[in-house]
Amino acid sequence: MRLGLRRRVLGVHDVRRAARRARAVGLGLANGPSSVATACVTKEQVGAASGISNMGRYVGSAVLTAVTAALLGSVCTRHHASGTATADALAAGFSRAAIGLAPFCAFGVVLALLAGRFRPSGPPTAAHHAAAAAASSHTVPTSPVNGASDRPPGTAR
């Protein structure tokens, strides 16, 4: 007696669907810090906070891409020069590159956990005002500016 159940072989479409889901989860995790950075500032400072957050992500991505490429290249070259097959040399290179990125991933997780615990308390200090003035001095205001009293702190006419 058949129960109507059958085994299904994973096809190309299943693999693509799983890859799209994994990419969506990764993008959600990568874009989370940007939301945190813009949620912690006033509406006049959102542009600066978003720009600084994006710059940090782009610079970090570029630096870690270079580190990964250097690890991969050096391990592959060393293994290939010692007579190892190309496929084995590539596998060793990818393995070392993944191991090399693991501490950076762990550091990111720790930072995310610490950022979630940070809650500013009390009124802003002089250091907060100085940081806000420096951050908003190169941004375009998000609301109309009529007079000096309407301008964000630290912006010149």
C-alpha atoms as a PDB file:
ATOM      1  CA  MET A   1       0.000   0.000   0.000  1.00  0.00           C
ATOM      2  CA  ARG A   2       1.355   3.429  -0.981  1.00  0.00           C
ATOM      3  CA  LEU A   3       0.747   6.388   1.244  1.00  0.00           C
ATOM      4  CA  GLY A   4       1.167   8.913  -1.528  1.00  0.00           C
ATOM      5  CA  LEU A   5       4.512  10.103  -0.187  1.00  0.00           C
ATOM      6  CA  ARG A   6       7.475  10.120  -2.447  1.00  0.00           C
ATOM      7  CA  ARG A   7      11.027  11.185  -2.134  1.00  0.00           C
ATOM      8  CA  ARG A   8      11.943  14.323  -3.916  1.00  0.00           C
ATOM      9  CA  VAL A   9      15.360  14.991  -5.394  1.00  0.00           C
ATOM     10  CA  LEU A  10      16.632  18.515  -4.891  1.00  0.00           C
ATOM     11  CA  GLY A  11      16.748  20.327  -8.168  1.00  0.00           C
ATOM     12  CA  VAL A  12      18.392  23.486  -9.412  1.00  0.00           C
ATOM     13  CA  HIS A  13      15.320  25.539  -8.541  1.00  0.00           C
ATOM     14  CA  ASP A  14      15.401  24.344  -4.925  1.00  0.00           C
ATOM     15  CA  VAL A  15      19.049  25.316  -4.607  1.00  0.00           C
ATOM     16  CA  ARG A  16      18.358  28.753  -6.107  1.00  0.00           C
ATOM     17  CA  ARG A  17      15.409  29.276  -3.770  1.00  0.00           C
ATOM     18  CA  ALA A  18      17.564  28.371  -0.761  1.00  0.00           C
ATOM     19  CA  ALA A  19      20.309  30.727  -1.969  1.00  0.00           C
ATOM     20  CA  ARG A  20      17.805  33.593  -2.318  1.00  0.00           C
ATOM     21  CA  ARG A  21      16.522  32.983   1.205  1.00  0.00           C
ATOM     22  CA  ALA A  22      20.051  32.896   2.613  1.00  0.00           C
ATOM     23  CA  ARG A  23      20.869  36.138   0.783  1.00  0.00           C
ATOM     24  CA  ALA A  24      17.741  37.795   2.179  1.00  0.00           C
ATOM     25  CA  VAL A  25      18.675  36.809   5.719  1.00  0.00           C
ATOM     26  CA  GLY A  26      22.240  38.044   5.203  1.00  0.00           C
ATOM     27  CA  LEU A  27      21.094  41.390   3.832  1.00  0.00           C
ATOM     28  CA  GLY A  28      18.756  41.821   6.766  1.00  0.00           C
ATOM     29  CA  LEU A  29      21.595  41.192   9.190  1.00  0.00           C
ATOM     30  CA  ALA A  30      23.968  43.494   7.294  1.00  0.00           C
ATOM     31  CA  ASN A  31      21.531  46.407   7.087  1.00  0.00           C
ATOM     32  CA  GLY A  32      20.500  46.270  10.726  1.00  0.00           C
ATOM     33  CA  PRO A  33      23.375  48.441  12.003  1.00  0.00           C
ATOM     34  CA  SER A  34      22.349  51.224   9.631  1.00  0.00           C
ATOM     35  CA  SER A  35      18.895  51.325  11.219  1.00  0.00           C
ATOM     36  CA  VAL A  36      20.425  51.433  14.687  1.00  0.00           C
ATOM     37  CA  ALA A  37      22.726  54.308  13.701  1.00  0.00           C
ATOM     38  CA  THR A  38      19.903  56.440  12.325  1.00  0.00           C
ATOM     39  CA  ALA A  39      17.471  55.627  15.149  1.00  0.00           C
ATOM     40  CA  CYS A  40      19.767  57.123  17.777  1.00  0.00           C
ATOM     41  CA  VAL A  41      20.030  60.655  16.354  1.00  0.00           C
ATOM     42  CA  THR A  42      17.737  63.591  15.712  1.00  0.00           C
ATOM     43  CA  LYS A  43      16.074  63.992  12.332  1.00  0.00           C
ATOM     44  CA  GLU A  44      18.565  66.720  11.383  1.00  0.00           C
ATOM     45  CA  GLN A  45      21.452  64.299  11.915  1.00  0.00           C
ATOM     46  CA  VAL A  46      20.000  61.255  10.140  1.00  0.00           C
ATOM     47  CA  GLY A  47      21.866  61.982   6.902  1.00  0.00           C
ATOM     48  CA  ALA A  48      25.226  62.235   8.634  1.00  0.00           C
ATOM     49  CA  ALA A  49      24.606  59.144  10.760  1.00  0.00           C
ATOM     50  CA  SER A  50      23.544  57.129   7.732  1.00  0.00           C
ATOM     51  CA  GLY A  51      26.581  58.291   5.760  1.00  0.00           C
ATOM     52  CA  ILE A  52      28.989  57.439   8.546  1.00  0.00           C
ATOM     53  CA  SER A  53      27.368  54.039   9.030  1.00  0.00           C
ATOM     54  CA  ASN A  54      27.537  53.261   5.305  1.00  0.00           C
ATOM     55  CA  MET A  55      31.133  54.464   5.075  1.00  0.00           C
ATOM     56  CA  GLY A  56      32.098  52.147   7.926  1.00  0.00           C
ATOM     57  CA  ARG A  57      30.409  49.203   6.209  1.00  0.00           C
ATOM     58  CA  TYR A  58      32.022  49.948   2.852  1.00  0.00           C
ATOM     59  CA  VAL A  59      35.512  50.444   4.273  1.00  0.00           C
ATOM     60  CA  GLY A  60      35.166  47.334   6.423  1.00  0.00           C
ATOM     61  CA  SER A  61      33.972  45.317   3.445  1.00  0.00           C
ATOM     62  CA  ALA A  62      36.852  46.527   1.290  1.00  0.00           C
ATOM     63  CA  VAL A  63      39.476  45.807   3.946  1.00  0.00           C
ATOM     64  CA  LEU A  64      38.137  42.331   4.750  1.00  0.00           C
ATOM     65  CA  THR A  65      37.829  41.521   1.045  1.00  0.00           C
ATOM     66  CA  ALA A  66      41.521  42.385   0.665  1.00  0.00           C
ATOM     67  CA  VAL A  67      42.424  40.299   3.743  1.00  0.00           C
ATOM     68  CA  THR A  68      40.421  37.338   2.423  1.00  0.00           C
ATOM     69  CA  ALA A  69      41.977  37.611  -1.038  1.00  0.00           C
ATOM     70  CA  ALA A  70      45.469  37.787   0.464  1.00  0.00           C
ATOM     71  CA  LEU A  71      44.856  34.705   2.634  1.00  0.00           C
ATOM     72  CA  LEU A  72      43.323  32.774  -0.240  1.00  0.00           C
ATOM     73  CA  GLY A  73      46.086  33.743  -2.656  1.00  0.00           C
ATOM     74  CA  SER A  74      48.978  32.988  -0.324  1.00  0.00           C
ATOM     75  CA  VAL A  75      47.633  29.586   0.754  1.00  0.00           C
ATOM     76  CA  CYS A  76      46.746  28.583  -2.823  1.00  0.00           C
ATOM     77  CA  THR A  77      50.161  29.656  -4.099  1.00  0.00           C
ATOM     78  CA  ARG A  78      51.984  27.792  -1.328  1.00  0.00           C
ATOM     79  CA  HIS A  79      49.996  24.585  -1.863  1.00  0.00           C
ATOM     80  CA  HIS A  80      50.217  24.784  -5.645  1.00  0.00           C
ATOM     81  CA  ALA A  81      53.989  25.374  -5.500  1.00  0.00           C
ATOM     82  CA  SER A  82      54.425  22.261  -3.355  1.00  0.00           C
ATOM     83  CA  GLY A  83      52.768  20.143  -6.051  1.00  0.00           C
ATOM     84  CA  THR A  84      49.239  19.910  -4.665  1.00  0.00           C
ATOM     85  CA  ALA A  85      46.428  19.610  -7.186  1.00  0.00           C
ATOM     86  CA  THR A  86      44.706  22.876  -8.103  1.00  0.00           C
ATOM     87  CA  ALA A  87      41.370  21.816  -6.612  1.00  0.00           C
ATOM     88  CA  ASP A  88      43.009  20.833  -3.328  1.00  0.00           C
ATOM     89  CA  ALA A  89      44.985  24.091  -3.253  1.00  0.00           C
ATOM     90  CA  LEU A  90      41.772  26.079  -3.760  1.00  0.00           C
ATOM     91  CA  ALA A  91      39.993  24.093  -1.056  1.00  0.00           C
ATOM     92  CA  ALA A  92      42.837  24.757   1.374  1.00  0.00           C
ATOM     93  CA  GLY A  93      42.803  28.456   0.458  1.00  0.00           C
ATOM     94  CA  PHE A  94      39.057  28.802   0.991  1.00  0.00           C
ATOM     95  CA  SER A  95      39.338  26.925   4.269  1.00  0.00           C
ATOM     96  CA  ARG A  96      42.039  29.268   5.589  1.00  0.00           C
ATOM     97  CA  ALA A  97      40.146  32.339   4.363  1.00  0.00           C
ATOM     98  CA  ALA A  98      37.000  31.210   6.203  1.00  0.00           C
ATOM     99  CA  ILE A  99      39.001  30.530   9.367  1.00  0.00           C
ATOM    100  CA  GLY A 100      40.642  33.955   9.007  1.00  0.00           C
ATOM    101  CA  LEU A 101      37.241  35.670   8.805  1.00  0.00           C
ATOM    102  CA  ALA A 102      35.809  33.864  11.838  1.00  0.00           C
ATOM    103  CA  PRO A 103      37.366  36.236  14.438  1.00  0.00           C
ATOM    104  CA  PHE A 104      35.941  39.249  12.605  1.00  0.00           C
ATOM    105  CA  CYS A 105      32.491  37.646  12.598  1.00  0.00           C
ATOM    106  CA  ALA A 106      32.751  36.885  16.312  1.00  0.00           C
ATOM    107  CA  PHE A 107      33.837  40.481  16.966  1.00  0.00           C
ATOM    108  CA  GLY A 108      30.794  41.728  15.024  1.00  0.00           C
ATOM    109  CA  VAL A 109      28.460  39.567  17.106  1.00  0.00           C
ATOM    110  CA  VAL A 110      29.991  40.890  20.330  1.00  0.00           C
ATOM    111  CA  LEU A 111      29.651  44.498  19.095  1.00  0.00           C
ATOM    112  CA  ALA A 112      26.013  43.915  18.140  1.00  0.00           C
ATOM    113  CA  LEU A 113      25.259  42.516  21.593  1.00  0.00           C
ATOM    114  CA  LEU A 114      27.014  45.429  23.292  1.00  0.00           C
ATOM    115  CA  ALA A 115      25.267  48.013  21.093  1.00  0.00           C
ATOM    116  CA  GLY A 116      21.916  46.600  22.115  1.00  0.00           C
ATOM    117  CA  ARG A 117      22.757  47.160  25.764  1.00  0.00           C
ATOM    118  CA  PHE A 118      23.817  50.812  25.373  1.00  0.00           C
ATOM    119  CA  ARG A 119      21.176  53.292  26.448  1.00  0.00           C
ATOM    120  CA  PRO A 120      22.132  56.949  26.854  1.00  0.00           C
ATOM    121  CA  SER A 121      21.102  58.369  30.201  1.00  0.00           C
ATOM    122  CA  GLY A 122      20.628  61.941  31.233  1.00  0.00           C
ATOM    123  CA  PRO A 123      20.832  65.113  29.210  1.00  0.00           C
ATOM    124  CA  PRO A 124      23.470  65.535  26.499  1.00  0.00           C
ATOM    125  CA  THR A 125      26.891  66.725  27.613  1.00  0.00           C
ATOM    126  CA  ALA A 126      29.271  69.146  25.908  1.00  0.00           C
ATOM    127  CA  ALA A 127      30.918  66.183  24.180  1.00  0.00           C
ATOM    128  CA  HIS A 128      27.562  65.157  22.691  1.00  0.00           C
ATOM    129  CA  HIS A 129      26.976  68.682  21.396  1.00  0.00           C
ATOM    130  CA  ALA A 130      30.477  68.829  19.894  1.00  0.00           C
ATOM    131  CA  ALA A 131      29.966  65.495  18.145  1.00  0.00           C
ATOM    132  CA  ALA A 132      26.585  66.634  16.824  1.00  0.00           C
ATOM    133  CA  ALA A 133      28.067  69.906  15.552  1.00  0.00           C
ATOM    134  CA  ALA A 134      30.879  68.096  13.766  1.00  0.00           C
ATOM    135  CA  ALA A 135      28.495  65.532  12.288  1.00  0.00           C
ATOM    136  CA  SER A 136      25.993  68.061  10.951  1.00  0.00           C
ATOM    137  CA  SER A 137      28.403  70.662   9.616  1.00  0.00           C
ATOM    138  CA  HIS A 138      28.671  68.933   6.213  1.00  0.00           C
ATOM    139  CA  THR A 139      25.089  67.805   5.701  1.00  0.00           C
ATOM    140  CA  VAL A 140      22.095  69.327   4.006  1.00  0.00           C
ATOM    141  CA  PRO A 141      19.291  70.181   6.453  1.00  0.00           C
ATOM    142  CA  THR A 142      16.245  67.911   6.234  1.00  0.00           C
ATOM    143  CA  SER A 143      13.785  70.735   6.942  1.00  0.00           C
ATOM    144  CA  PRO A 144      13.529  74.314   5.621  1.00  0.00           C
ATOM    145  CA  VAL A 145      15.950  76.739   7.277  1.00  0.00           C
ATOM    146  CA  ASN A 146      14.578  80.264   7.721  1.00  0.00           C
ATOM    147  CA  GLY A 147      16.775  81.824  10.339  1.00  0.00           C
ATOM    148  CA  ALA A 148      19.609  81.142  12.714  1.00  0.00           C
ATOM    149  CA  SER A 149      17.227  79.753  15.348  1.00  0.00           C
ATOM    150  CA  ASP A 150      15.929  77.136  12.859  1.00  0.00           C
ATOM    151  CA  ARG A 151      19.353  75.793  11.965  1.00  0.00           C
ATOM    152  CA  PRO A 152      20.735  72.622  13.563  1.00  0.00           C
ATOM    153  CA  PRO A 153      23.506  73.301  16.103  1.00  0.00           C
ATOM    154  CA  GLY A 154      26.934  73.721  14.562  1.00  0.00           C
ATOM    155  CA  THR A 155      25.810  74.683  11.062  1.00  0.00           C
ATOM    156  CA  ALA A 156      27.025  77.960   9.678  1.00  0.00           C
ATOM    157  CA  ARG A 157      25.068  80.284   7.441  1.00  0.00           C
END
